[in-house]
Amino acid sequence: MTVYDVARALPGIEELRDHSRALAMAEAVLCPEWEGRSYSFDAHWSEDEQLASMRDGEGGEYTIVLSPAGAFARAFDHESPLSPFGPLADGRTWPGLLDGVPEPFGEYLTEPAFTDEDGVHVTTACLWREAADTAWSTGPVEFPDLDGHPDPDGSGRLFRLLTDRSAEAYAEWAEEYYERPVDRGAVRRLLALHPLTAELVAALNPEVTLADLAEDIQEIGYPTA
């Protein structure tokens, strides 16, 4: 899988926003300590922007800026041959990755959160979708000829819970990541944005209360009863 496959599998902007909020809420319930979570959502990243993000704990991550202009997504896999820190890229963002980014998203090409101290965009996969678009777009990336590398830019692994948005996919991932059973029914309700209740929280993590989650609920913008 490459960024081209991800672009075909991602949903529209509003569905992506809702799914990202749900993933972040599930994480907050399962893992009270923010530092231990993978998926997060900041509904107040700026006055008119929201930020969905993921970090895998091994140097991989993605960030998706959601704004009135649309959505801009980038991912970084430190093991990817496209990494600017690898021997093939020679300290530069891989050719073509950021070509064609529309003007409304231009500020994200120099956003300090997405670049290193030398201004190099720390990215191995990039996608965008303007508000009126009917599909996601990518730059004209040519991948190196690497036999046996099914995910050369890391996008398949990093975006996998956005391309497979089933409750089963999240529950299987969470059980492996947190090493605990995860209630599929509760996950299914969260992914459908059912209002958060004490019962729903307890089904996922009986050690956490609705009151414990007040700050997370406000940050994520998840609906409550």
N, C-alpha and C. Protein backbone atom coordinates (compact mmCIF):
# COMPACT_ATOMS: atom_id res chain seq x y z
N MET A 1 0.85 -1.20 0.00
CA MET A 1 0.00 0.00 0.00
C MET A 1 0.88 1.24 0.00
N THR A 2 0.45 2.25 -0.74
CA THR A 2 1.14 3.54 -0.76
C THR A 2 0.12 4.65 -0.52
N VAL A 3 0.60 5.88 -0.52
CA VAL A 3 -0.29 7.01 -0.31
C VAL A 3 -1.40 7.07 -1.37
N TYR A 4 -1.14 6.55 -2.57
CA TYR A 4 -2.17 6.53 -3.60
C TYR A 4 -3.34 5.64 -3.19
N ASP A 5 -3.03 4.49 -2.58
CA ASP A 5 -4.08 3.59 -2.10
C ASP A 5 -4.84 4.22 -0.94
N VAL A 6 -4.13 4.88 -0.04
CA VAL A 6 -4.77 5.54 1.10
C VAL A 6 -5.73 6.62 0.60
N ALA A 7 -5.31 7.37 -0.41
CA ALA A 7 -6.16 8.45 -0.94
C ALA A 7 -7.49 7.89 -1.43
N ARG A 8 -7.47 6.70 -2.01
CA ARG A 8 -8.72 6.10 -2.50
C ARG A 8 -9.58 5.54 -1.36
N ALA A 9 -8.95 5.20 -0.24
CA ALA A 9 -9.66 4.54 0.85
C ALA A 9 -10.17 5.49 1.93
N LEU A 10 -9.61 6.69 2.00
CA LEU A 10 -10.05 7.63 3.03
C LEU A 10 -11.46 8.12 2.76
N PRO A 11 -12.21 8.40 3.83
CA PRO A 11 -13.57 8.92 3.64
C PRO A 11 -13.55 10.42 3.38
N GLY A 12 -14.73 11.01 3.25
CA GLY A 12 -14.83 12.46 3.12
C GLY A 12 -14.39 13.16 4.39
N ILE A 13 -14.26 14.47 4.31
CA ILE A 13 -13.69 15.24 5.41
C ILE A 13 -14.52 15.12 6.69
N GLU A 14 -15.84 15.24 6.60
CA GLU A 14 -16.65 15.20 7.81
C GLU A 14 -16.64 13.82 8.46
N GLU A 15 -16.68 12.78 7.64
CA GLU A 15 -16.60 11.43 8.20
C GLU A 15 -15.23 11.21 8.84
N LEU A 16 -14.18 11.73 8.22
CA LEU A 16 -12.85 11.61 8.80
C LEU A 16 -12.76 12.36 10.13
N ARG A 17 -13.35 13.54 10.17
CA ARG A 17 -13.35 14.32 11.42
C ARG A 17 -14.04 13.54 12.54
N ASP A 18 -15.22 13.01 12.25
CA ASP A 18 -15.97 12.29 13.27
C ASP A 18 -15.24 11.03 13.72
N HIS A 19 -14.67 10.30 12.76
CA HIS A 19 -13.95 9.08 13.11
C HIS A 19 -12.72 9.41 13.96
N SER A 20 -12.05 10.48 13.64
CA SER A 20 -10.87 10.88 14.41
C SER A 20 -11.25 11.28 15.83
N ARG A 21 -12.36 11.98 15.99
CA ARG A 21 -12.84 12.32 17.33
C ARG A 21 -13.15 11.06 18.13
N ALA A 22 -13.78 10.09 17.47
CA ALA A 22 -14.14 8.85 18.15
C ALA A 22 -12.90 8.07 18.57
N LEU A 23 -11.90 7.98 17.69
CA LEU A 23 -10.66 7.29 18.05
C LEU A 23 -10.01 7.95 19.27
N ALA A 24 -9.98 9.27 19.27
CA ALA A 24 -9.37 9.99 20.39
C ALA A 24 -10.14 9.76 21.68
N MET A 25 -11.47 9.70 21.60
CA MET A 25 -12.26 9.48 22.81
C MET A 25 -12.05 8.07 23.35
N ALA A 26 -11.99 7.10 22.45
CA ALA A 26 -11.72 5.73 22.88
C ALA A 26 -10.37 5.65 23.58
N GLU A 27 -9.38 6.33 23.04
CA GLU A 27 -8.06 6.34 23.65
C GLU A 27 -8.08 6.97 25.04
N ALA A 28 -8.83 8.08 25.18
CA ALA A 28 -8.89 8.76 26.47
C ALA A 28 -9.52 7.86 27.53
N VAL A 29 -10.51 7.07 27.14
CA VAL A 29 -11.15 6.16 28.09
C VAL A 29 -10.20 5.03 28.46
N LEU A 30 -9.55 4.44 27.47
CA LEU A 30 -8.68 3.30 27.72
C LEU A 30 -7.38 3.68 28.42
N CYS A 31 -6.90 4.90 28.19
CA CYS A 31 -5.59 5.31 28.70
C CYS A 31 -5.69 6.71 29.31
N PRO A 32 -5.95 6.81 30.60
CA PRO A 32 -6.09 8.13 31.23
C PRO A 32 -4.86 9.03 31.08
N GLU A 33 -3.67 8.43 30.98
CA GLU A 33 -2.45 9.23 30.84
C GLU A 33 -2.25 9.59 29.36
N TRP A 34 -2.28 10.90 29.05
CA TRP A 34 -2.19 11.34 27.66
C TRP A 34 -0.93 10.83 26.98
N GLU A 35 0.18 10.78 27.73
CA GLU A 35 1.45 10.38 27.13
C GLU A 35 1.42 8.96 26.60
N GLY A 36 0.53 8.13 27.11
CA GLY A 36 0.49 6.74 26.68
C GLY A 36 -0.43 6.47 25.50
N ARG A 37 -1.15 7.49 25.05
CA ARG A 37 -2.11 7.30 23.97
C ARG A 37 -1.45 7.38 22.60
N SER A 38 -2.11 6.80 21.62
CA SER A 38 -1.67 6.93 20.23
C SER A 38 -2.49 7.98 19.49
N TYR A 39 -3.81 7.93 19.61
CA TYR A 39 -4.69 8.80 18.82
C TYR A 39 -5.21 9.96 19.66
N SER A 40 -5.13 11.16 19.11
CA SER A 40 -5.58 12.36 19.81
C SER A 40 -6.35 13.25 18.85
N PHE A 41 -7.13 14.16 19.43
CA PHE A 41 -7.87 15.13 18.61
C PHE A 41 -7.98 16.42 19.40
N ASP A 42 -7.54 17.52 18.78
CA ASP A 42 -7.62 18.84 19.40
C ASP A 42 -8.64 19.66 18.61
N ALA A 43 -9.81 19.82 19.19
CA ALA A 43 -10.88 20.57 18.52
C ALA A 43 -10.63 22.07 18.52
N HIS A 44 -9.58 22.50 19.22
CA HIS A 44 -9.30 23.93 19.36
C HIS A 44 -7.83 24.22 19.04
N TRP A 45 -7.30 23.58 17.99
CA TRP A 45 -5.90 23.77 17.64
C TRP A 45 -5.62 25.25 17.33
N SER A 46 -6.56 25.90 16.70
CA SER A 46 -6.53 27.35 16.51
C SER A 46 -7.98 27.83 16.47
N GLU A 47 -8.18 29.08 16.16
CA GLU A 47 -9.55 29.60 16.14
C GLU A 47 -10.43 28.88 15.13
N ASP A 48 -9.85 28.46 14.01
CA ASP A 48 -10.67 27.82 12.98
C ASP A 48 -10.05 26.52 12.45
N GLU A 49 -9.15 25.91 13.23
CA GLU A 49 -8.52 24.67 12.80
C GLU A 49 -8.62 23.61 13.91
N GLN A 50 -8.76 22.38 13.49
CA GLN A 50 -8.72 21.24 14.40
C GLN A 50 -7.58 20.32 13.96
N LEU A 51 -7.06 19.53 14.89
CA LEU A 51 -5.92 18.68 14.58
C LEU A 51 -6.17 17.26 15.07
N ALA A 52 -6.18 16.32 14.13
CA ALA A 52 -6.21 14.89 14.45
C ALA A 52 -4.79 14.37 14.34
N SER A 53 -4.37 13.55 15.29
CA SER A 53 -2.98 13.09 15.26
C SER A 53 -2.86 11.68 15.79
N MET A 54 -1.75 11.04 15.42
CA MET A 54 -1.43 9.70 15.87
C MET A 54 0.08 9.59 16.02
N ARG A 55 0.51 8.89 17.03
CA ARG A 55 1.93 8.55 17.20
C ARG A 55 1.99 7.10 17.65
N ASP A 56 2.89 6.33 17.06
CA ASP A 56 2.90 4.90 17.33
C ASP A 56 3.88 4.49 18.43
N GLY A 57 4.59 5.45 19.00
CA GLY A 57 5.54 5.14 20.06
C GLY A 57 6.87 4.64 19.55
N GLU A 58 7.00 4.52 18.24
CA GLU A 58 8.25 4.01 17.65
C GLU A 58 8.80 4.97 16.60
N GLY A 59 8.38 6.23 16.67
CA GLY A 59 8.88 7.22 15.72
C GLY A 59 7.98 7.46 14.53
N GLY A 60 6.85 6.76 14.45
CA GLY A 60 5.89 6.98 13.37
C GLY A 60 4.76 7.87 13.84
N GLU A 61 4.20 8.66 12.95
CA GLU A 61 3.14 9.58 13.34
C GLU A 61 2.37 10.08 12.12
N TYR A 62 1.18 10.63 12.39
CA TYR A 62 0.51 11.43 11.37
C TYR A 62 -0.15 12.62 12.03
N THR A 63 -0.39 13.65 11.25
CA THR A 63 -1.17 14.80 11.69
C THR A 63 -2.09 15.19 10.54
N ILE A 64 -3.32 15.56 10.89
CA ILE A 64 -4.30 16.00 9.90
C ILE A 64 -4.90 17.30 10.39
N VAL A 65 -4.69 18.37 9.62
CA VAL A 65 -5.29 19.65 9.95
C VAL A 65 -6.63 19.76 9.24
N LEU A 66 -7.67 20.05 10.01
CA LEU A 66 -9.02 20.21 9.47
C LEU A 66 -9.41 21.67 9.63
N SER A 67 -9.72 22.32 8.53
CA SER A 67 -10.00 23.75 8.54
C SER A 67 -11.14 24.06 7.58
N PRO A 68 -11.62 25.31 7.55
CA PRO A 68 -12.65 25.65 6.57
C PRO A 68 -12.20 25.40 5.13
N ALA A 69 -10.89 25.41 4.89
CA ALA A 69 -10.38 25.16 3.54
C ALA A 69 -10.45 23.70 3.15
N GLY A 70 -10.51 22.80 4.15
CA GLY A 70 -10.52 21.37 3.86
C GLY A 70 -9.66 20.60 4.85
N ALA A 71 -8.85 19.68 4.34
CA ALA A 71 -8.02 18.84 5.20
C ALA A 71 -6.65 18.65 4.56
N PHE A 72 -5.61 18.75 5.39
CA PHE A 72 -4.23 18.51 4.97
C PHE A 72 -3.65 17.45 5.89
N ALA A 73 -3.16 16.36 5.31
CA ALA A 73 -2.65 15.24 6.10
C ALA A 73 -1.21 14.93 5.72
N ARG A 74 -0.38 14.68 6.74
CA ARG A 74 0.98 14.20 6.47
C ARG A 74 1.31 13.11 7.48
N ALA A 75 2.14 12.18 7.05
CA ALA A 75 2.57 11.09 7.91
C ALA A 75 4.08 10.96 7.80
N PHE A 76 4.68 10.44 8.85
CA PHE A 76 6.13 10.22 8.85
C PHE A 76 6.43 8.85 9.43
N ASP A 77 7.12 8.05 8.63
CA ASP A 77 7.60 6.74 9.06
C ASP A 77 9.12 6.78 9.03
N HIS A 78 9.74 6.73 10.20
CA HIS A 78 11.20 6.90 10.26
C HIS A 78 11.94 5.74 9.60
N GLU A 79 11.26 4.61 9.37
CA GLU A 79 11.90 3.47 8.71
C GLU A 79 11.67 3.47 7.20
N SER A 80 10.88 4.42 6.71
CA SER A 80 10.58 4.47 5.28
C SER A 80 11.82 4.88 4.48
N PRO A 81 12.02 4.29 3.30
CA PRO A 81 13.11 4.74 2.44
C PRO A 81 12.92 6.17 1.94
N LEU A 82 11.70 6.71 2.10
CA LEU A 82 11.43 8.09 1.69
C LEU A 82 11.76 9.10 2.80
N SER A 83 12.15 8.63 3.96
CA SER A 83 12.45 9.54 5.07
C SER A 83 13.56 10.52 4.69
N PRO A 84 13.40 11.80 5.00
CA PRO A 84 14.47 12.76 4.70
C PRO A 84 15.75 12.47 5.46
N PHE A 85 15.65 11.64 6.49
CA PHE A 85 16.84 11.32 7.29
C PHE A 85 17.51 10.03 6.83
N GLY A 86 16.95 9.39 5.80
CA GLY A 86 17.54 8.17 5.29
C GLY A 86 18.57 8.43 4.20
N PRO A 87 19.28 7.40 3.76
CA PRO A 87 20.36 7.57 2.79
C PRO A 87 19.89 7.95 1.39
N LEU A 88 18.65 7.60 1.02
CA LEU A 88 18.18 7.89 -0.33
C LEU A 88 17.74 9.33 -0.50
N ALA A 89 17.15 9.91 0.53
CA ALA A 89 16.61 11.27 0.42
C ALA A 89 17.65 12.34 0.66
N ASP A 90 18.74 11.98 1.32
CA ASP A 90 19.88 12.90 1.49
C ASP A 90 19.47 14.21 2.16
N GLY A 91 18.69 14.09 3.25
CA GLY A 91 18.37 15.27 4.04
C GLY A 91 17.27 16.14 3.48
N ARG A 92 16.58 15.68 2.46
CA ARG A 92 15.51 16.49 1.85
C ARG A 92 14.20 15.72 1.85
N THR A 93 13.10 16.47 1.80
CA THR A 93 11.79 15.83 1.63
C THR A 93 11.78 15.14 0.27
N TRP A 94 11.23 13.95 0.23
CA TRP A 94 11.26 13.14 -1.00
C TRP A 94 10.62 13.90 -2.16
N PRO A 95 11.26 13.87 -3.34
CA PRO A 95 10.74 14.60 -4.51
C PRO A 95 9.29 14.23 -4.83
N GLY A 96 8.50 15.26 -5.10
CA GLY A 96 7.11 15.06 -5.50
C GLY A 96 6.12 15.01 -4.36
N LEU A 97 6.60 14.73 -3.15
CA LEU A 97 5.67 14.54 -2.02
C LEU A 97 4.76 15.74 -1.80
N LEU A 98 5.33 16.94 -1.90
CA LEU A 98 4.57 18.14 -1.59
C LEU A 98 4.20 18.95 -2.82
N ASP A 99 4.50 18.40 -4.00
CA ASP A 99 4.16 19.11 -5.23
C ASP A 99 2.64 19.16 -5.42
N GLY A 100 2.15 20.33 -5.73
CA GLY A 100 0.73 20.47 -6.01
C GLY A 100 -0.13 20.80 -4.81
N VAL A 101 0.49 20.98 -3.63
CA VAL A 101 -0.31 21.35 -2.46
C VAL A 101 -0.99 22.69 -2.74
N PRO A 102 -2.31 22.77 -2.62
CA PRO A 102 -3.03 24.01 -2.95
C PRO A 102 -2.65 25.17 -2.04
N GLU A 103 -2.82 26.36 -2.55
CA GLU A 103 -2.44 27.57 -1.82
C GLU A 103 -3.08 27.66 -0.43
N PRO A 104 -4.37 27.27 -0.24
CA PRO A 104 -4.95 27.37 1.10
C PRO A 104 -4.21 26.55 2.15
N PHE A 105 -3.44 25.54 1.72
CA PHE A 105 -2.69 24.72 2.66
C PHE A 105 -1.21 25.08 2.68
N GLY A 106 -0.83 26.14 2.00
CA GLY A 106 0.58 26.48 1.87
C GLY A 106 1.27 26.72 3.19
N GLU A 107 0.57 27.25 4.17
CA GLU A 107 1.21 27.54 5.46
C GLU A 107 1.68 26.27 6.16
N TYR A 108 1.09 25.13 5.82
CA TYR A 108 1.48 23.88 6.48
C TYR A 108 2.80 23.33 5.94
N LEU A 109 3.26 23.90 4.84
CA LEU A 109 4.55 23.46 4.29
C LEU A 109 5.71 24.02 5.10
N THR A 110 5.45 25.07 5.87
CA THR A 110 6.49 25.66 6.73
C THR A 110 6.09 25.62 8.20
N GLU A 111 5.00 24.96 8.52
CA GLU A 111 4.53 24.85 9.90
C GLU A 111 5.61 24.19 10.77
N PRO A 112 6.06 24.86 11.83
CA PRO A 112 7.13 24.30 12.68
C PRO A 112 6.82 22.91 13.23
N ALA A 113 5.55 22.61 13.48
CA ALA A 113 5.20 21.30 14.01
C ALA A 113 5.46 20.18 13.01
N PHE A 114 5.60 20.53 11.72
CA PHE A 114 5.77 19.51 10.68
C PHE A 114 7.16 19.56 10.04
N THR A 115 8.02 20.45 10.50
CA THR A 115 9.36 20.59 9.91
C THR A 115 10.43 20.48 10.98
N ASP A 116 11.66 20.19 10.55
CA ASP A 116 12.75 20.12 11.51
C ASP A 116 13.43 21.48 11.64
N GLU A 117 14.51 21.53 12.39
CA GLU A 117 15.18 22.81 12.65
C GLU A 117 15.78 23.44 11.40
N ASP A 118 15.94 22.64 10.35
CA ASP A 118 16.46 23.17 9.09
C ASP A 118 15.34 23.50 8.10
N GLY A 119 14.10 23.40 8.53
CA GLY A 119 12.98 23.70 7.66
C GLY A 119 12.59 22.57 6.73
N VAL A 120 13.15 21.38 6.93
CA VAL A 120 12.80 20.23 6.08
C VAL A 120 11.49 19.63 6.58
N HIS A 121 10.54 19.44 5.67
CA HIS A 121 9.25 18.87 6.02
C HIS A 121 9.45 17.40 6.39
N VAL A 122 9.13 17.05 7.63
CA VAL A 122 9.35 15.70 8.14
C VAL A 122 8.15 14.84 7.74
N THR A 123 8.21 14.32 6.52
CA THR A 123 7.04 13.68 5.91
C THR A 123 7.48 12.57 4.96
N THR A 124 6.76 11.46 5.00
CA THR A 124 6.98 10.41 4.00
C THR A 124 5.71 10.15 3.19
N ALA A 125 4.58 10.75 3.60
CA ALA A 125 3.32 10.63 2.86
C ALA A 125 2.50 11.89 3.10
N CYS A 126 1.88 12.41 2.05
CA CYS A 126 1.11 13.64 2.18
C CYS A 126 -0.14 13.56 1.29
N LEU A 127 -1.27 14.00 1.86
CA LEU A 127 -2.54 14.04 1.11
C LEU A 127 -3.28 15.32 1.48
N TRP A 128 -4.18 15.72 0.62
CA TRP A 128 -5.00 16.89 0.94
C TRP A 128 -6.34 16.78 0.21
N ARG A 129 -7.31 17.52 0.73
CA ARG A 129 -8.63 17.54 0.11
C ARG A 129 -9.27 18.89 0.44
N GLU A 130 -9.49 19.71 -0.58
CA GLU A 130 -10.16 20.99 -0.36
C GLU A 130 -11.65 20.74 -0.10
N ALA A 131 -12.29 21.73 0.53
CA ALA A 131 -13.66 21.55 1.00
C ALA A 131 -14.62 21.13 -0.12
N ALA A 132 -14.42 21.62 -1.33
CA ALA A 132 -15.33 21.31 -2.43
C ALA A 132 -14.90 20.08 -3.24
N ASP A 133 -13.76 19.49 -2.92
CA ASP A 133 -13.25 18.34 -3.67
C ASP A 133 -14.10 17.10 -3.42
N THR A 134 -14.09 16.21 -4.39
CA THR A 134 -14.81 14.94 -4.24
C THR A 134 -13.86 13.77 -4.00
N ALA A 135 -12.55 14.05 -3.91
CA ALA A 135 -11.57 13.00 -3.67
C ALA A 135 -10.32 13.60 -3.04
N TRP A 136 -9.48 12.75 -2.48
CA TRP A 136 -8.21 13.17 -1.92
C TRP A 136 -7.16 13.25 -3.01
N SER A 137 -6.19 14.14 -2.85
CA SER A 137 -5.11 14.32 -3.82
C SER A 137 -3.75 14.07 -3.15
N THR A 138 -2.78 13.75 -3.98
CA THR A 138 -1.40 13.55 -3.51
C THR A 138 -0.46 14.16 -4.54
N GLY A 139 0.79 14.29 -4.14
CA GLY A 139 1.80 14.73 -5.09
C GLY A 139 2.23 13.59 -5.99
N PRO A 140 2.94 13.90 -7.10
CA PRO A 140 3.39 12.87 -8.05
C PRO A 140 4.65 12.16 -7.54
N VAL A 141 4.46 11.25 -6.61
CA VAL A 141 5.59 10.56 -5.97
C VAL A 141 6.01 9.35 -6.79
N GLU A 142 7.30 9.25 -7.04
CA GLU A 142 7.85 8.04 -7.65
C GLU A 142 8.61 7.28 -6.58
N PHE A 143 8.19 6.04 -6.36
CA PHE A 143 8.78 5.25 -5.29
C PHE A 143 10.03 4.52 -5.76
N PRO A 144 11.01 4.38 -4.87
CA PRO A 144 12.21 3.63 -5.26
C PRO A 144 11.86 2.17 -5.51
N ASP A 145 12.64 1.52 -6.34
CA ASP A 145 12.40 0.12 -6.69
C ASP A 145 12.97 -0.75 -5.58
N LEU A 146 12.11 -1.09 -4.63
CA LEU A 146 12.55 -1.88 -3.48
C LEU A 146 11.71 -3.15 -3.40
N ASP A 147 12.32 -4.25 -3.73
CA ASP A 147 11.62 -5.54 -3.67
C ASP A 147 11.26 -5.87 -2.23
N GLY A 148 10.06 -6.41 -2.05
CA GLY A 148 9.66 -6.86 -0.73
C GLY A 148 9.33 -5.74 0.24
N HIS A 149 9.03 -4.54 -0.25
CA HIS A 149 8.66 -3.42 0.63
C HIS A 149 7.22 -3.03 0.32
N PRO A 150 6.24 -3.68 0.99
CA PRO A 150 4.84 -3.47 0.63
C PRO A 150 4.26 -2.12 1.07
N ASP A 151 4.99 -1.41 1.94
CA ASP A 151 4.47 -0.15 2.48
C ASP A 151 5.61 0.88 2.50
N PRO A 152 6.09 1.29 1.32
CA PRO A 152 7.33 2.07 1.26
C PRO A 152 7.27 3.43 1.93
N ASP A 153 6.09 4.06 2.00
CA ASP A 153 6.03 5.38 2.64
C ASP A 153 5.41 5.32 4.04
N GLY A 154 5.07 4.12 4.50
CA GLY A 154 4.50 3.95 5.84
C GLY A 154 3.04 4.31 5.94
N SER A 155 2.43 4.75 4.85
CA SER A 155 1.05 5.24 4.92
C SER A 155 0.05 4.12 5.22
N GLY A 156 0.30 2.93 4.70
CA GLY A 156 -0.62 1.83 4.96
C GLY A 156 -0.72 1.51 6.43
N ARG A 157 0.43 1.45 7.10
CA ARG A 157 0.45 1.13 8.54
C ARG A 157 -0.05 2.30 9.37
N LEU A 158 0.42 3.51 9.09
CA LEU A 158 0.09 4.65 9.93
C LEU A 158 -1.37 5.08 9.81
N PHE A 159 -1.93 4.98 8.61
CA PHE A 159 -3.32 5.40 8.41
C PHE A 159 -4.31 4.24 8.47
N ARG A 160 -3.89 3.09 8.95
CA ARG A 160 -4.71 1.89 8.80
C ARG A 160 -6.05 1.98 9.52
N LEU A 161 -6.13 2.70 10.65
CA LEU A 161 -7.41 2.80 11.34
C LEU A 161 -8.28 3.93 10.78
N LEU A 162 -7.77 4.60 9.75
CA LEU A 162 -8.59 5.55 9.00
C LEU A 162 -9.09 4.94 7.70
N THR A 163 -8.35 3.98 7.18
CA THR A 163 -8.80 3.30 5.96
C THR A 163 -9.69 2.10 6.30
N ASP A 164 -9.44 1.45 7.43
CA ASP A 164 -10.34 0.42 7.95
C ASP A 164 -10.98 0.99 9.21
N ARG A 165 -12.18 1.49 9.09
CA ARG A 165 -12.82 2.23 10.19
C ARG A 165 -13.79 1.36 10.99
N SER A 166 -13.61 0.05 10.94
CA SER A 166 -14.50 -0.85 11.65
C SER A 166 -14.16 -0.90 13.14
N ALA A 167 -15.16 -1.24 13.94
CA ALA A 167 -14.92 -1.42 15.37
C ALA A 167 -13.96 -2.56 15.62
N GLU A 168 -14.04 -3.60 14.80
CA GLU A 168 -13.16 -4.75 14.97
C GLU A 168 -11.70 -4.36 14.76
N ALA A 169 -11.44 -3.51 13.77
CA ALA A 169 -10.06 -3.10 13.50
C ALA A 169 -9.48 -2.33 14.69
N TYR A 170 -10.28 -1.39 15.23
CA TYR A 170 -9.77 -0.64 16.38
C TYR A 170 -9.60 -1.54 17.59
N ALA A 171 -10.58 -2.38 17.87
CA ALA A 171 -10.51 -3.24 19.06
C ALA A 171 -9.31 -4.18 18.99
N GLU A 172 -9.07 -4.76 17.82
CA GLU A 172 -7.91 -5.64 17.68
C GLU A 172 -6.61 -4.89 17.90
N TRP A 173 -6.54 -3.68 17.33
CA TRP A 173 -5.33 -2.88 17.54
C TRP A 173 -5.16 -2.53 19.02
N ALA A 174 -6.24 -2.06 19.66
CA ALA A 174 -6.17 -1.62 21.05
C ALA A 174 -5.83 -2.78 21.99
N GLU A 175 -6.35 -3.97 21.71
CA GLU A 175 -6.04 -5.11 22.57
C GLU A 175 -4.56 -5.45 22.51
N GLU A 176 -3.97 -5.32 21.33
CA GLU A 176 -2.53 -5.57 21.20
C GLU A 176 -1.72 -4.45 21.84
N TYR A 177 -2.15 -3.21 21.61
CA TYR A 177 -1.39 -2.05 22.09
C TYR A 177 -1.45 -1.91 23.61
N TYR A 178 -2.65 -2.08 24.18
CA TYR A 178 -2.85 -1.89 25.62
C TYR A 178 -2.82 -3.19 26.42
N GLU A 179 -2.76 -4.32 25.70
CA GLU A 179 -2.68 -5.64 26.34
C GLU A 179 -3.82 -5.85 27.33
N ARG A 180 -5.06 -5.63 26.83
CA ARG A 180 -6.25 -5.82 27.65
C ARG A 180 -7.43 -6.07 26.73
N PRO A 181 -8.47 -6.75 27.21
CA PRO A 181 -9.66 -6.96 26.38
C PRO A 181 -10.36 -5.63 26.10
N VAL A 182 -10.97 -5.52 24.93
CA VAL A 182 -11.68 -4.30 24.54
C VAL A 182 -13.06 -4.69 24.05
N ASP A 183 -14.08 -4.09 24.64
CA ASP A 183 -15.47 -4.39 24.32
C ASP A 183 -15.83 -3.86 22.94
N ARG A 184 -16.11 -4.77 22.01
CA ARG A 184 -16.43 -4.37 20.64
C ARG A 184 -17.70 -3.53 20.57
N GLY A 185 -18.71 -3.90 21.36
CA GLY A 185 -19.95 -3.15 21.33
C GLY A 185 -19.77 -1.71 21.77
N ALA A 186 -18.96 -1.50 22.79
CA ALA A 186 -18.69 -0.14 23.26
C ALA A 186 -17.93 0.65 22.21
N VAL A 187 -16.97 0.01 21.56
CA VAL A 187 -16.22 0.68 20.50
C VAL A 187 -17.15 1.05 19.36
N ARG A 188 -18.04 0.14 19.02
CA ARG A 188 -18.97 0.41 17.91
C ARG A 188 -19.85 1.63 18.22
N ARG A 189 -20.27 1.76 19.45
CA ARG A 189 -21.08 2.92 19.84
C ARG A 189 -20.26 4.21 19.80
N LEU A 190 -19.02 4.13 20.24
CA LEU A 190 -18.16 5.32 20.18
C LEU A 190 -17.92 5.75 18.75
N LEU A 191 -17.63 4.80 17.88
CA LEU A 191 -17.36 5.14 16.49
C LEU A 191 -18.58 5.71 15.79
N ALA A 192 -19.75 5.40 16.32
CA ALA A 192 -20.99 5.98 15.78
C ALA A 192 -21.33 7.30 16.47
N LEU A 193 -20.42 7.78 17.32
CA LEU A 193 -20.58 9.04 18.05
C LEU A 193 -21.82 9.04 18.94
N HIS A 194 -22.13 7.89 19.55
CA HIS A 194 -23.18 7.87 20.56
C HIS A 194 -22.73 8.76 21.72
N PRO A 195 -23.62 9.53 22.32
CA PRO A 195 -23.23 10.39 23.44
C PRO A 195 -22.54 9.58 24.54
N LEU A 196 -21.48 10.14 25.09
CA LEU A 196 -20.71 9.45 26.11
C LEU A 196 -21.49 9.42 27.42
N THR A 197 -21.64 8.25 27.97
CA THR A 197 -22.34 8.06 29.24
C THR A 197 -21.45 7.29 30.20
N ALA A 198 -21.82 7.29 31.47
CA ALA A 198 -21.07 6.54 32.47
C ALA A 198 -21.06 5.05 32.12
N GLU A 199 -22.18 4.56 31.60
CA GLU A 199 -22.27 3.15 31.22
C GLU A 199 -21.31 2.82 30.09
N LEU A 200 -21.24 3.68 29.10
CA LEU A 200 -20.35 3.44 27.97
C LEU A 200 -18.89 3.49 28.40
N VAL A 201 -18.55 4.43 29.25
CA VAL A 201 -17.19 4.53 29.77
C VAL A 201 -16.82 3.26 30.54
N ALA A 202 -17.72 2.81 31.42
CA ALA A 202 -17.45 1.64 32.24
C ALA A 202 -17.27 0.38 31.41
N ALA A 203 -17.97 0.30 30.27
CA ALA A 203 -17.84 -0.88 29.42
C ALA A 203 -16.43 -1.00 28.84
N LEU A 204 -15.79 0.14 28.63
CA LEU A 204 -14.43 0.12 28.09
C LEU A 204 -13.37 0.11 29.18
N ASN A 205 -13.63 0.85 30.27
CA ASN A 205 -12.63 0.94 31.34
C ASN A 205 -13.33 1.26 32.65
N PRO A 206 -13.63 0.25 33.48
CA PRO A 206 -14.35 0.48 34.73
C PRO A 206 -13.56 1.30 35.75
N GLU A 207 -12.28 1.54 35.48
CA GLU A 207 -11.46 2.31 36.41
C GLU A 207 -11.50 3.81 36.12
N VAL A 208 -12.25 4.21 35.10
CA VAL A 208 -12.36 5.62 34.72
C VAL A 208 -13.83 6.05 34.82
N THR A 209 -14.06 7.26 35.29
CA THR A 209 -15.41 7.79 35.38
C THR A 209 -15.62 8.88 34.35
N LEU A 210 -16.88 9.20 34.12
CA LEU A 210 -17.22 10.28 33.19
C LEU A 210 -16.62 11.60 33.66
N ALA A 211 -16.61 11.83 34.97
CA ALA A 211 -16.03 13.06 35.51
C ALA A 211 -14.53 13.14 35.24
N ASP A 212 -13.85 11.98 35.27
CA ASP A 212 -12.41 11.97 35.00
C ASP A 212 -12.09 12.45 33.59
N LEU A 213 -13.04 12.33 32.69
CA LEU A 213 -12.81 12.60 31.27
C LEU A 213 -13.23 14.01 30.85
N ALA A 214 -13.60 14.85 31.81
CA ALA A 214 -14.17 16.16 31.47
C ALA A 214 -13.24 16.97 30.56
N GLU A 215 -11.96 17.05 30.89
CA GLU A 215 -11.03 17.83 30.07
C GLU A 215 -10.85 17.22 28.69
N ASP A 216 -10.78 15.90 28.63
CA ASP A 216 -10.62 15.23 27.33
C ASP A 216 -11.84 15.45 26.46
N ILE A 217 -13.02 15.36 27.04
CA ILE A 217 -14.25 15.56 26.28
C ILE A 217 -14.28 16.96 25.67
N GLN A 218 -13.86 17.94 26.47
CA GLN A 218 -13.86 19.33 25.99
C GLN A 218 -12.83 19.51 24.88
N GLU A 219 -11.66 18.92 25.04
CA GLU A 219 -10.61 19.07 24.03
C GLU A 219 -11.00 18.39 22.73
N ILE A 220 -11.59 17.22 22.84
CA ILE A 220 -11.94 16.44 21.65
C ILE A 220 -13.21 16.95 20.99
N GLY A 221 -14.11 17.52 21.80
CA GLY A 221 -15.40 17.96 21.27
C GLY A 221 -16.33 16.79 21.05
N TYR A 222 -16.21 15.76 21.91
CA TYR A 222 -17.06 14.57 21.77
C TYR A 222 -18.41 14.84 22.44
N PRO A 223 -19.52 14.38 21.83
CA PRO A 223 -20.85 14.63 22.43
C PRO A 223 -21.09 13.82 23.71
N THR A 224 -21.79 14.42 24.66
CA THR A 224 -22.19 13.75 25.88
C THR A 224 -23.71 13.77 25.99
N ALA A 225 -24.22 12.94 26.87
CA ALA A 225 -25.69 12.85 27.04
C ALA A 225 -26.22 14.17 27.60
